[in-house]
N, C-alpha and C. Protein backbone atom coordinates (compact mmCIF):
# COMPACT_ATOMS: atom_id res chain seq x y z
N UNK A 1 4.33 -5.65 -14.99
CA UNK A 1 5.10 -6.75 -15.14
C UNK A 1 4.16 -8.06 -15.25
N UNK A 2 4.46 -8.80 -16.31
CA UNK A 2 3.75 -10.11 -16.48
C UNK A 2 4.39 -11.21 -16.23
N UNK A 3 4.44 -11.72 -14.92
CA UNK A 3 5.35 -12.80 -14.56
C UNK A 3 4.53 -14.21 -14.62
N UNK A 4 5.18 -15.07 -15.19
CA UNK A 4 4.63 -16.38 -15.35
C UNK A 4 5.20 -17.24 -14.32
N UNK A 5 6.08 -16.88 -13.58
CA UNK A 5 6.56 -17.73 -12.40
C UNK A 5 7.18 -16.79 -11.27
N UNK A 6 7.24 -16.98 -10.12
CA UNK A 6 7.78 -16.16 -9.03
C UNK A 6 9.29 -15.71 -9.36
N UNK A 7 9.51 -14.59 -8.71
CA UNK A 7 10.88 -14.31 -9.01
C UNK A 7 11.82 -15.31 -8.10
N UNK A 8 13.00 -15.40 -8.60
CA UNK A 8 13.91 -16.39 -8.04
C UNK A 8 14.93 -15.76 -7.09
N UNK A 9 15.34 -16.35 -5.83
CA UNK A 9 16.15 -15.76 -4.99
C UNK A 9 17.47 -16.32 -5.68
N UNK A 10 18.48 -15.47 -5.73
CA UNK A 10 19.71 -15.53 -6.23
C UNK A 10 20.67 -15.86 -5.07
N UNK A 11 21.17 -17.05 -4.94
CA UNK A 11 22.18 -17.33 -3.77
C UNK A 11 23.35 -17.22 -4.08
N UNK A 12 23.90 -16.97 -5.26
CA UNK A 12 25.38 -16.96 -5.51
C UNK A 12 25.77 -15.49 -5.20
N UNK A 13 26.74 -15.32 -4.21
CA UNK A 13 27.17 -13.95 -3.93
C UNK A 13 28.02 -13.31 -4.78
N UNK A 14 28.59 -14.20 -5.75
CA UNK A 14 29.37 -13.53 -6.94
C UNK A 14 28.61 -12.35 -7.66
N UNK A 15 27.35 -12.69 -7.81
CA UNK A 15 26.43 -11.82 -8.62
C UNK A 15 26.45 -10.37 -8.14
N UNK A 16 26.30 -10.23 -6.76
CA UNK A 16 26.29 -8.84 -6.19
C UNK A 16 27.77 -8.24 -6.35
N UNK A 17 28.81 -9.16 -6.33
CA UNK A 17 30.02 -8.49 -6.72
C UNK A 17 30.34 -8.05 -8.17
N UNK A 18 29.84 -8.76 -9.07
CA UNK A 18 29.89 -8.45 -10.37
C UNK A 18 28.96 -7.06 -10.80
N UNK A 19 27.73 -7.12 -10.12
CA UNK A 19 26.94 -6.09 -10.41
C UNK A 19 27.61 -4.83 -9.71
N UNK A 20 28.04 -4.81 -8.44
CA UNK A 20 28.70 -3.63 -7.90
C UNK A 20 29.80 -3.14 -8.82
N UNK A 21 30.56 -4.07 -9.26
CA UNK A 21 31.81 -3.82 -10.18
C UNK A 21 31.31 -2.93 -11.50
N UNK A 22 30.26 -3.37 -12.02
CA UNK A 22 29.60 -2.48 -13.17
C UNK A 22 29.13 -1.27 -12.67
N UNK A 23 28.45 -1.25 -11.54
CA UNK A 23 27.79 0.05 -10.99
C UNK A 23 28.99 0.99 -10.57
N UNK A 24 30.09 0.47 -10.09
CA UNK A 24 31.26 1.33 -9.87
C UNK A 24 31.74 2.04 -11.05
N UNK A 25 31.81 1.26 -12.18
CA UNK A 25 32.23 1.80 -13.52
C UNK A 25 31.23 2.83 -13.81
N UNK A 26 29.90 2.67 -13.80
CA UNK A 26 29.02 3.66 -14.20
C UNK A 26 29.22 4.84 -13.36
N UNK A 27 29.31 4.75 -12.12
CA UNK A 27 29.61 5.81 -11.07
C UNK A 27 30.98 6.62 -11.63
N UNK A 28 31.96 6.00 -11.89
CA UNK A 28 33.23 6.63 -12.43
C UNK A 28 33.10 7.43 -13.67
N UNK A 29 32.34 6.58 -14.70
CA UNK A 29 32.11 7.31 -15.92
C UNK A 29 31.23 8.51 -15.75
N UNK A 30 30.21 8.49 -14.86
CA UNK A 30 29.24 9.58 -14.76
C UNK A 30 30.19 10.73 -13.93
N UNK A 31 30.90 10.37 -13.01
CA UNK A 31 31.72 11.37 -12.37
C UNK A 31 32.48 12.13 -13.34
N UNK A 32 33.30 11.42 -14.26
CA UNK A 32 34.07 12.10 -15.10
C UNK A 32 33.42 13.08 -16.04
N UNK A 33 32.17 12.55 -16.56
CA UNK A 33 31.46 13.29 -17.46
C UNK A 33 30.93 14.56 -16.82
N UNK A 34 30.52 14.46 -15.60
CA UNK A 34 30.10 15.63 -14.79
C UNK A 34 31.14 16.46 -14.48
N UNK A 35 32.26 16.08 -14.10
CA UNK A 35 33.39 16.87 -13.74
C UNK A 35 33.94 17.74 -15.01
N UNK A 36 33.93 17.03 -16.10
CA UNK A 36 34.64 17.61 -17.21
C UNK A 36 33.56 18.70 -17.86
N UNK A 37 32.25 18.62 -17.46
CA UNK A 37 31.34 19.73 -17.98
C UNK A 37 31.01 20.71 -17.01
N UNK A 38 31.55 20.65 -15.71
CA UNK A 38 31.43 21.53 -14.68
C UNK A 38 30.14 21.37 -14.01
N UNK A 39 29.34 20.08 -14.13
CA UNK A 39 28.09 20.06 -13.70
C UNK A 39 27.99 19.39 -12.21
N UNK A 40 27.14 19.56 -11.51
CA UNK A 40 26.93 19.21 -10.24
C UNK A 40 25.42 19.12 -9.82
N UNK A 41 24.95 18.23 -9.09
CA UNK A 41 23.55 18.17 -8.55
C UNK A 41 23.28 18.88 -7.36
N UNK A 42 24.48 19.35 -6.80
CA UNK A 42 24.27 20.03 -5.25
C UNK A 42 23.42 21.15 -5.41
N UNK A 43 22.37 21.11 -4.51
CA UNK A 43 21.59 22.26 -4.61
C UNK A 43 20.40 22.27 -5.57
N UNK A 44 20.22 21.29 -6.29
CA UNK A 44 19.23 21.25 -7.37
C UNK A 44 17.80 21.00 -6.77
N UNK A 45 17.06 21.87 -7.28
CA UNK A 45 15.59 21.82 -6.76
C UNK A 45 14.77 20.70 -7.23
N UNK A 46 15.15 20.23 -8.44
CA UNK A 46 14.38 19.46 -9.18
C UNK A 46 15.18 17.93 -8.82
N UNK A 47 14.75 17.33 -7.76
CA UNK A 47 15.37 15.98 -7.41
C UNK A 47 15.16 14.91 -8.36
N UNK A 48 16.17 14.26 -8.76
CA UNK A 48 15.83 13.03 -9.65
C UNK A 48 14.93 12.01 -8.79
N UNK A 49 14.97 11.89 -7.59
CA UNK A 49 14.28 11.02 -6.85
C UNK A 49 12.60 11.32 -6.99
N UNK A 50 12.43 12.41 -7.60
CA UNK A 50 10.91 12.72 -7.87
C UNK A 50 10.63 12.47 -9.29
N UNK A 51 11.50 11.82 -10.09
CA UNK A 51 11.35 11.56 -11.40
C UNK A 51 10.71 10.14 -11.78
N UNK A 52 9.82 9.98 -12.59
CA UNK A 52 9.26 8.53 -12.98
C UNK A 52 10.16 7.88 -13.84
N UNK A 53 10.88 6.76 -13.28
CA UNK A 53 11.79 6.02 -13.97
C UNK A 53 11.28 4.72 -13.89
N UNK A 54 11.56 3.78 -14.97
CA UNK A 54 11.40 2.37 -15.03
C UNK A 54 12.63 1.67 -15.04
N UNK A 55 12.81 0.49 -14.50
CA UNK A 55 13.92 -0.22 -14.54
C UNK A 55 13.50 -1.65 -15.17
N UNK A 56 14.47 -2.22 -15.99
CA UNK A 56 14.15 -3.31 -16.78
C UNK A 56 14.97 -4.60 -16.62
N UNK A 57 15.87 -4.57 -15.71
CA UNK A 57 16.70 -5.73 -15.57
C UNK A 57 16.84 -6.48 -14.31
N UNK A 58 16.73 -7.74 -14.43
CA UNK A 58 16.87 -8.70 -13.25
C UNK A 58 17.82 -8.13 -12.28
N UNK A 59 19.03 -7.87 -12.77
CA UNK A 59 20.35 -7.61 -12.06
C UNK A 59 19.94 -6.18 -11.05
N UNK A 60 19.22 -5.27 -11.63
CA UNK A 60 18.98 -4.23 -10.84
C UNK A 60 17.99 -4.62 -9.86
N UNK A 61 17.07 -5.33 -10.15
CA UNK A 61 16.08 -5.83 -9.10
C UNK A 61 16.80 -6.46 -7.95
N UNK A 62 17.64 -7.53 -8.30
CA UNK A 62 18.47 -8.41 -7.51
C UNK A 62 19.03 -7.42 -6.53
N UNK A 63 19.85 -6.60 -7.14
CA UNK A 63 20.81 -5.56 -6.32
C UNK A 63 20.18 -4.57 -5.45
N UNK A 64 18.91 -4.27 -5.83
CA UNK A 64 18.30 -3.33 -4.92
C UNK A 64 17.68 -4.33 -3.74
N UNK A 65 17.31 -5.49 -3.97
CA UNK A 65 16.76 -6.33 -2.93
C UNK A 65 17.90 -6.77 -2.13
N UNK A 66 19.06 -6.82 -2.64
CA UNK A 66 20.28 -7.06 -1.70
C UNK A 66 20.45 -5.83 -0.65
N UNK A 67 20.13 -4.72 -1.15
CA UNK A 67 20.28 -3.55 -0.39
C UNK A 67 19.20 -3.36 0.71
N UNK A 68 18.11 -3.89 0.18
CA UNK A 68 16.88 -3.67 1.18
C UNK A 68 17.05 -4.67 2.28
N UNK A 69 17.64 -5.80 1.98
CA UNK A 69 17.89 -6.75 3.19
C UNK A 69 18.77 -6.19 4.18
N UNK A 70 19.47 -5.24 3.74
CA UNK A 70 20.38 -4.50 4.84
C UNK A 70 19.97 -3.51 5.77
N UNK A 71 18.69 -3.00 5.41
CA UNK A 71 17.92 -2.08 6.18
C UNK A 71 17.49 -2.71 7.54
N UNK A 72 17.51 -1.85 8.69
CA UNK A 72 16.87 -2.33 9.92
C UNK A 72 15.41 -2.42 9.53
N UNK A 73 14.88 -3.39 10.33
CA UNK A 73 13.43 -3.87 10.24
C UNK A 73 12.42 -2.57 10.21
N UNK A 74 12.64 -1.75 11.15
CA UNK A 74 11.76 -0.48 11.13
C UNK A 74 11.96 0.52 9.81
N UNK A 75 13.09 0.52 9.49
CA UNK A 75 13.30 1.37 8.21
C UNK A 75 12.70 0.58 6.94
N UNK A 76 12.86 -0.86 6.94
CA UNK A 76 12.22 -1.47 5.80
C UNK A 76 10.66 -1.32 6.00
N UNK A 77 10.20 -1.46 6.93
CA UNK A 77 8.57 -1.21 7.17
C UNK A 77 8.28 0.03 6.66
N UNK A 78 8.94 1.21 7.01
CA UNK A 78 8.56 2.49 6.58
C UNK A 78 8.65 2.52 4.97
N UNK A 79 9.81 2.03 4.49
CA UNK A 79 9.95 1.93 2.92
C UNK A 79 9.07 1.38 2.42
N UNK A 80 8.47 0.18 2.86
CA UNK A 80 7.44 -0.60 2.26
C UNK A 80 6.16 -0.01 2.29
N UNK A 81 5.88 0.77 3.32
CA UNK A 81 4.77 1.49 3.28
C UNK A 81 4.58 2.69 2.30
N UNK A 82 5.73 3.25 2.27
CA UNK A 82 5.79 4.29 1.26
C UNK A 82 5.82 3.89 -0.08
N UNK A 83 6.36 2.52 -0.46
CA UNK A 83 6.15 1.93 -1.77
C UNK A 83 4.68 1.77 -1.89
N UNK A 84 3.92 1.11 -1.00
CA UNK A 84 2.47 0.90 -1.12
C UNK A 84 1.72 2.10 -1.32
N UNK A 85 2.10 3.20 -0.98
CA UNK A 85 1.43 4.54 -1.01
C UNK A 85 1.79 5.01 -2.53
N UNK A 86 3.15 4.82 -3.01
CA UNK A 86 3.52 5.35 -4.11
C UNK A 86 3.28 4.66 -5.35
N UNK A 87 3.20 3.43 -5.44
CA UNK A 87 2.88 2.48 -6.67
C UNK A 87 1.75 2.89 -7.35
N UNK A 88 0.56 3.03 -6.79
CA UNK A 88 -0.59 3.60 -7.42
C UNK A 88 -0.61 4.96 -8.07
N UNK A 89 0.05 5.76 -7.26
CA UNK A 89 0.31 7.26 -7.67
C UNK A 89 1.11 7.24 -8.87
N UNK A 90 2.17 6.41 -8.99
CA UNK A 90 3.12 6.41 -10.06
C UNK A 90 2.30 5.94 -11.41
N UNK A 91 1.54 4.84 -11.13
CA UNK A 91 0.75 4.22 -12.23
C UNK A 91 -0.03 5.66 -12.86
N UNK A 92 -0.74 6.21 -11.87
CA UNK A 92 -1.58 7.36 -12.37
C UNK A 92 -0.85 8.43 -13.09
N UNK A 93 0.41 8.81 -12.64
CA UNK A 93 1.34 9.62 -13.22
C UNK A 93 1.70 9.05 -14.73
N UNK A 94 1.99 7.90 -14.71
CA UNK A 94 2.38 7.30 -15.95
C UNK A 94 1.30 7.28 -17.07
N UNK A 95 0.13 7.23 -16.56
CA UNK A 95 -1.13 7.26 -17.34
C UNK A 95 -1.52 8.62 -17.80
N UNK A 96 -0.90 9.67 -17.34
CA UNK A 96 -1.36 11.11 -17.47
C UNK A 96 -2.47 11.49 -16.56
N UNK A 97 -2.90 10.64 -15.61
CA UNK A 97 -3.84 10.98 -14.63
C UNK A 97 -3.49 11.87 -13.28
N UNK A 98 -2.34 12.02 -13.27
CA UNK A 98 -1.75 12.84 -12.16
C UNK A 98 -0.35 13.44 -12.67
N UNK A 99 -0.44 14.87 -12.31
CA UNK A 99 0.65 15.65 -12.60
C UNK A 99 1.74 15.90 -11.53
N UNK A 100 1.37 15.70 -10.19
CA UNK A 100 2.11 16.01 -9.33
C UNK A 100 3.23 14.96 -9.20
N UNK A 101 4.47 15.24 -8.87
CA UNK A 101 5.55 14.29 -8.66
C UNK A 101 5.40 13.45 -7.44
N UNK A 102 5.99 12.09 -7.49
CA UNK A 102 5.81 11.17 -6.53
C UNK A 102 7.24 10.86 -6.03
N UNK A 103 7.50 11.22 -4.71
CA UNK A 103 8.78 10.84 -4.28
C UNK A 103 9.19 9.22 -4.24
N UNK A 104 10.44 8.83 -4.57
CA UNK A 104 10.81 7.58 -4.46
C UNK A 104 10.75 7.19 -3.05
N UNK A 105 10.19 5.94 -2.66
CA UNK A 105 10.08 5.54 -1.40
C UNK A 105 11.49 5.48 -0.61
N UNK A 106 12.51 5.45 -1.25
CA UNK A 106 13.84 5.26 -0.66
C UNK A 106 14.41 6.71 -0.34
N UNK A 107 13.74 7.73 -0.81
CA UNK A 107 14.19 9.00 -0.49
C UNK A 107 13.99 9.53 0.98
N UNK A 108 14.79 10.05 1.62
CA UNK A 108 14.72 10.51 2.91
C UNK A 108 15.55 11.79 3.05
N UNK A 109 15.01 12.96 3.35
CA UNK A 109 15.51 14.13 3.42
C UNK A 109 16.47 14.48 2.09
N UNK A 110 15.81 14.21 1.04
CA UNK A 110 16.40 14.60 -0.27
C UNK A 110 17.37 13.67 -0.85
N UNK A 111 17.68 12.57 -0.14
CA UNK A 111 18.69 11.77 -0.69
C UNK A 111 18.16 10.13 -0.46
N UNK A 112 18.93 9.42 -1.36
CA UNK A 112 18.49 7.94 -1.17
C UNK A 112 19.27 7.19 -0.05
N UNK A 113 18.44 6.39 0.61
CA UNK A 113 18.88 5.66 1.88
C UNK A 113 19.64 4.35 1.32
N UNK A 114 19.44 3.92 -0.08
CA UNK A 114 20.23 2.85 -0.47
C UNK A 114 21.06 3.21 -1.68
N UNK A 115 21.64 4.33 -1.59
CA UNK A 115 22.41 5.06 -2.74
C UNK A 115 23.52 4.03 -3.38
N UNK A 116 24.11 3.26 -2.50
CA UNK A 116 24.96 2.24 -3.04
C UNK A 116 24.27 1.14 -3.96
N UNK A 117 22.95 0.78 -3.79
CA UNK A 117 22.23 -0.27 -4.51
C UNK A 117 21.32 0.49 -5.43
N UNK A 118 21.43 1.52 -5.70
CA UNK A 118 20.45 2.25 -6.70
C UNK A 118 20.60 1.77 -7.95
N UNK A 119 19.43 1.79 -8.86
CA UNK A 119 19.47 1.24 -10.30
C UNK A 119 20.30 2.08 -11.20
N UNK A 120 20.53 1.53 -12.52
CA UNK A 120 21.19 2.20 -13.40
C UNK A 120 20.96 3.53 -13.65
N UNK A 121 19.55 3.77 -14.02
CA UNK A 121 19.18 5.20 -14.52
C UNK A 121 19.38 6.23 -13.23
N UNK A 122 19.38 5.77 -12.21
CA UNK A 122 19.56 6.60 -10.92
C UNK A 122 21.07 7.03 -10.97
N UNK A 123 21.95 6.02 -11.57
CA UNK A 123 23.38 6.57 -11.51
C UNK A 123 23.67 7.28 -12.66
N UNK A 124 23.04 7.20 -13.80
CA UNK A 124 23.62 7.88 -15.04
C UNK A 124 22.81 9.01 -15.46
N UNK A 125 21.43 9.33 -14.86
CA UNK A 125 20.72 10.49 -15.42
C UNK A 125 21.30 11.66 -15.15
N UNK A 126 21.08 12.72 -15.90
CA UNK A 126 21.53 14.17 -15.65
C UNK A 126 22.45 14.67 -16.68
N UNK A 127 23.55 13.80 -16.76
CA UNK A 127 24.53 14.40 -17.97
C UNK A 127 24.20 13.92 -19.27
N UNK A 128 24.60 14.96 -20.25
CA UNK A 128 24.32 14.38 -21.59
C UNK A 128 25.08 13.07 -22.02
N UNK A 129 24.42 12.38 -22.90
CA UNK A 129 25.14 11.03 -23.20
C UNK A 129 24.82 10.63 -24.72
N UNK A 130 25.56 9.83 -25.05
CA UNK A 130 25.27 9.04 -26.45
C UNK A 130 25.28 7.69 -26.29
N UNK A 131 24.65 7.02 -27.22
CA UNK A 131 24.50 5.46 -27.22
C UNK A 131 24.60 5.09 -28.60
N UNK A 132 25.48 4.24 -28.94
CA UNK A 132 25.74 3.66 -30.12
C UNK A 132 24.90 2.28 -30.14
N UNK A 133 23.81 2.39 -31.28
CA UNK A 133 23.02 1.16 -31.44
C UNK A 133 23.69 0.16 -32.35
N UNK A 134 23.49 -1.09 -32.31
CA UNK A 134 23.91 -2.23 -32.94
C UNK A 134 24.08 -1.85 -34.57
N UNK A 135 23.20 -1.12 -35.05
CA UNK A 135 23.05 -0.77 -36.43
C UNK A 135 23.95 0.33 -36.86
N UNK A 136 24.66 1.01 -35.76
CA UNK A 136 25.70 1.98 -36.08
C UNK A 136 24.88 3.38 -35.90
N UNK A 137 23.76 3.46 -35.70
CA UNK A 137 23.12 4.85 -35.23
C UNK A 137 23.56 5.30 -33.92
N UNK A 138 23.83 6.54 -33.68
CA UNK A 138 24.11 7.01 -32.58
C UNK A 138 23.07 7.94 -31.94
N UNK A 139 22.61 7.76 -30.90
CA UNK A 139 21.37 8.33 -30.27
C UNK A 139 22.03 9.44 -29.24
N UNK A 140 21.61 10.67 -29.38
CA UNK A 140 22.17 11.75 -28.47
C UNK A 140 21.12 11.93 -27.43
N UNK A 141 21.39 11.84 -26.28
CA UNK A 141 20.60 12.29 -25.00
C UNK A 141 20.96 13.53 -24.46
N UNK A 142 20.09 14.33 -24.21
CA UNK A 142 20.51 15.46 -23.50
C UNK A 142 20.56 15.36 -22.03
N UNK A 143 21.26 16.27 -21.35
CA UNK A 143 21.23 16.14 -19.87
C UNK A 143 20.08 16.78 -19.58
N UNK A 144 19.91 16.69 -18.11
CA UNK A 144 18.78 17.30 -17.44
C UNK A 144 18.71 18.89 -17.61
N UNK A 145 17.56 19.55 -17.15
CA UNK A 145 17.60 20.99 -17.36
C UNK A 145 18.78 21.64 -16.61
N UNK A 146 18.96 21.34 -15.36
CA UNK A 146 20.15 21.88 -14.66
C UNK A 146 21.62 21.66 -15.45
N UNK A 147 21.73 20.39 -15.93
CA UNK A 147 22.91 20.35 -16.72
C UNK A 147 23.02 21.23 -18.02
N UNK A 148 21.88 21.27 -18.63
CA UNK A 148 21.83 22.11 -19.81
C UNK A 148 22.03 23.70 -19.56
N UNK A 149 21.69 24.07 -18.35
CA UNK A 149 21.82 25.49 -17.97
C UNK A 149 23.26 25.74 -17.46
N UNK A 150 23.83 24.76 -16.75
CA UNK A 150 25.05 24.90 -16.12
C UNK A 150 26.42 24.30 -16.80
N UNK A 151 26.20 23.57 -17.74
CA UNK A 151 27.41 22.72 -18.02
C UNK A 151 28.08 23.57 -19.16
N UNK A 152 29.45 23.30 -19.14
CA UNK A 152 30.21 23.95 -20.32
C UNK A 152 30.28 22.96 -21.41
N UNK A 153 30.97 23.19 -22.57
CA UNK A 153 30.99 22.26 -23.68
C UNK A 153 32.00 21.01 -23.12
N UNK A 154 31.47 19.95 -23.25
CA UNK A 154 32.24 18.92 -23.16
C UNK A 154 31.72 17.69 -23.83
N UNK A 155 32.47 16.54 -23.74
CA UNK A 155 32.02 15.25 -24.50
C UNK A 155 30.95 14.68 -23.68
N UNK A 156 29.92 14.18 -24.29
CA UNK A 156 28.89 13.41 -23.61
C UNK A 156 29.44 12.24 -22.93
N UNK A 157 28.74 11.65 -22.00
CA UNK A 157 29.08 10.18 -21.48
C UNK A 157 28.57 9.30 -22.59
N UNK A 158 29.47 8.55 -23.05
CA UNK A 158 29.29 7.28 -23.83
C UNK A 158 28.58 6.08 -23.07
N UNK A 159 27.47 5.82 -23.02
CA UNK A 159 26.70 4.78 -22.24
C UNK A 159 27.00 3.45 -22.90
N UNK A 160 27.45 3.54 -24.29
CA UNK A 160 27.50 2.13 -24.85
C UNK A 160 28.21 1.04 -24.19
N UNK A 161 29.41 1.19 -23.94
CA UNK A 161 30.25 0.09 -23.08
C UNK A 161 29.54 -0.47 -21.89
N UNK A 162 28.85 0.60 -21.05
CA UNK A 162 28.40 0.18 -19.97
C UNK A 162 27.06 -0.65 -20.14
N UNK A 163 26.31 -0.26 -21.18
CA UNK A 163 25.10 -0.89 -21.48
C UNK A 163 25.41 -2.36 -22.07
N UNK A 164 26.55 -2.43 -22.86
CA UNK A 164 26.96 -3.80 -23.37
C UNK A 164 27.38 -4.56 -22.31
N UNK A 165 28.15 -4.25 -21.32
CA UNK A 165 28.46 -5.03 -20.11
C UNK A 165 27.29 -5.44 -19.30
N UNK A 166 26.34 -4.50 -19.15
CA UNK A 166 25.13 -4.71 -18.41
C UNK A 166 24.20 -5.90 -19.18
N UNK A 167 24.27 -5.84 -20.63
CA UNK A 167 23.56 -6.74 -21.19
C UNK A 167 24.22 -8.17 -21.00
N UNK A 168 25.45 -8.27 -21.00
CA UNK A 168 26.07 -9.53 -20.91
C UNK A 168 25.77 -10.08 -19.62
N UNK A 169 25.92 -9.26 -18.45
CA UNK A 169 25.36 -9.96 -17.14
C UNK A 169 24.10 -10.12 -17.06
N UNK A 170 23.12 -9.22 -17.69
CA UNK A 170 21.79 -9.64 -17.53
C UNK A 170 21.52 -10.99 -18.17
N UNK A 171 22.06 -11.20 -19.27
CA UNK A 171 21.93 -12.48 -20.15
C UNK A 171 22.38 -13.63 -19.30
N UNK A 172 23.62 -13.64 -18.64
CA UNK A 172 24.08 -14.60 -17.89
C UNK A 172 23.28 -14.83 -16.58
N UNK A 173 22.88 -13.75 -15.97
CA UNK A 173 22.15 -13.90 -14.84
C UNK A 173 20.62 -14.69 -15.12
N UNK A 174 19.94 -14.25 -16.26
CA UNK A 174 18.89 -14.87 -16.75
C UNK A 174 19.04 -16.46 -17.00
N UNK A 175 20.18 -16.69 -17.65
CA UNK A 175 20.37 -18.04 -18.18
C UNK A 175 20.51 -18.80 -16.69
N UNK A 176 21.29 -18.34 -15.72
CA UNK A 176 21.61 -19.16 -14.51
C UNK A 176 20.27 -19.24 -13.72
N UNK A 177 19.32 -18.29 -13.81
CA UNK A 177 18.01 -18.45 -12.91
C UNK A 177 16.86 -19.04 -13.70
N UNK A 178 17.02 -18.96 -15.09
CA UNK A 178 16.04 -19.33 -15.84
C UNK A 178 14.78 -18.37 -15.83
N UNK A 179 14.88 -17.22 -15.54
CA UNK A 179 13.97 -16.11 -15.48
C UNK A 179 14.01 -15.48 -16.85
N UNK A 180 12.99 -15.53 -17.47
CA UNK A 180 12.84 -15.05 -18.79
C UNK A 180 11.73 -13.98 -19.20
N UNK A 181 11.23 -13.63 -17.93
CA UNK A 181 9.88 -12.55 -18.11
C UNK A 181 10.53 -11.20 -18.30
N UNK A 182 9.83 -10.22 -18.99
CA UNK A 182 10.17 -8.86 -19.12
C UNK A 182 9.87 -8.12 -17.90
N UNK A 183 10.84 -7.14 -17.81
CA UNK A 183 10.67 -6.43 -16.51
C UNK A 183 10.35 -4.89 -16.88
N UNK A 184 9.39 -4.21 -16.18
CA UNK A 184 9.29 -2.64 -16.43
C UNK A 184 8.73 -2.25 -14.94
N UNK A 185 9.51 -1.82 -14.20
CA UNK A 185 9.25 -1.64 -12.64
C UNK A 185 9.81 -0.33 -12.18
N UNK A 186 8.84 0.46 -11.47
CA UNK A 186 9.32 1.47 -10.80
C UNK A 186 10.17 0.94 -9.44
N UNK A 187 10.80 1.73 -8.74
CA UNK A 187 11.47 1.39 -7.59
C UNK A 187 10.46 0.89 -6.58
N UNK A 188 9.37 1.67 -6.44
CA UNK A 188 8.15 1.22 -5.62
C UNK A 188 7.70 -0.08 -5.93
N UNK A 189 7.50 -0.57 -7.20
CA UNK A 189 7.10 -2.04 -7.55
C UNK A 189 8.15 -2.99 -7.10
N UNK A 190 9.53 -2.57 -7.33
CA UNK A 190 10.62 -3.44 -7.08
C UNK A 190 10.66 -3.76 -5.41
N UNK A 191 10.41 -2.80 -4.84
CA UNK A 191 10.19 -2.84 -3.18
C UNK A 191 9.26 -3.93 -2.92
N UNK A 192 8.08 -3.90 -3.45
CA UNK A 192 7.01 -4.60 -3.19
C UNK A 192 6.85 -6.04 -3.60
N UNK A 193 7.72 -6.33 -4.64
CA UNK A 193 7.99 -7.60 -5.04
C UNK A 193 8.48 -8.68 -3.90
């Protein structure tokens, strides 16, 4: 991330409520798509918390920071230490210098300790999906390997209305804060900001 100014603290509690409302919609859409296909993550060996994901919105960063603020001091110190270790390893993996997977700093015993505050891709990854671009092109996204093996024929999750709502929220949040920089962050990097 190339920041020209420090990140802004967002004091308006309405933002957390609006973001949670959108994330609840994402969770509901995901659950419906997973259920209709017979897909479940339970018992999966290839934990998504070992995947290299980038997050691009200020709203996701803000909401994750909201969650981090709720952690006990000792837990936050542990998570921060893990993030300091993970960040350079994730950079190496992204550059093809490392093949081994790097666990998300928020993962404990195979589960996210900030599950309610996890970013969008953590909520929607796994099931097959479609995305309708503004030019009318439809992009098909496959599900994860487990989904492809276990799922029955079903309609893919249409991410378009969720992305549109997210874009509106992101635009409004950036206008309110004046934050205009591009973001491309791993969860480890988000924790360390």
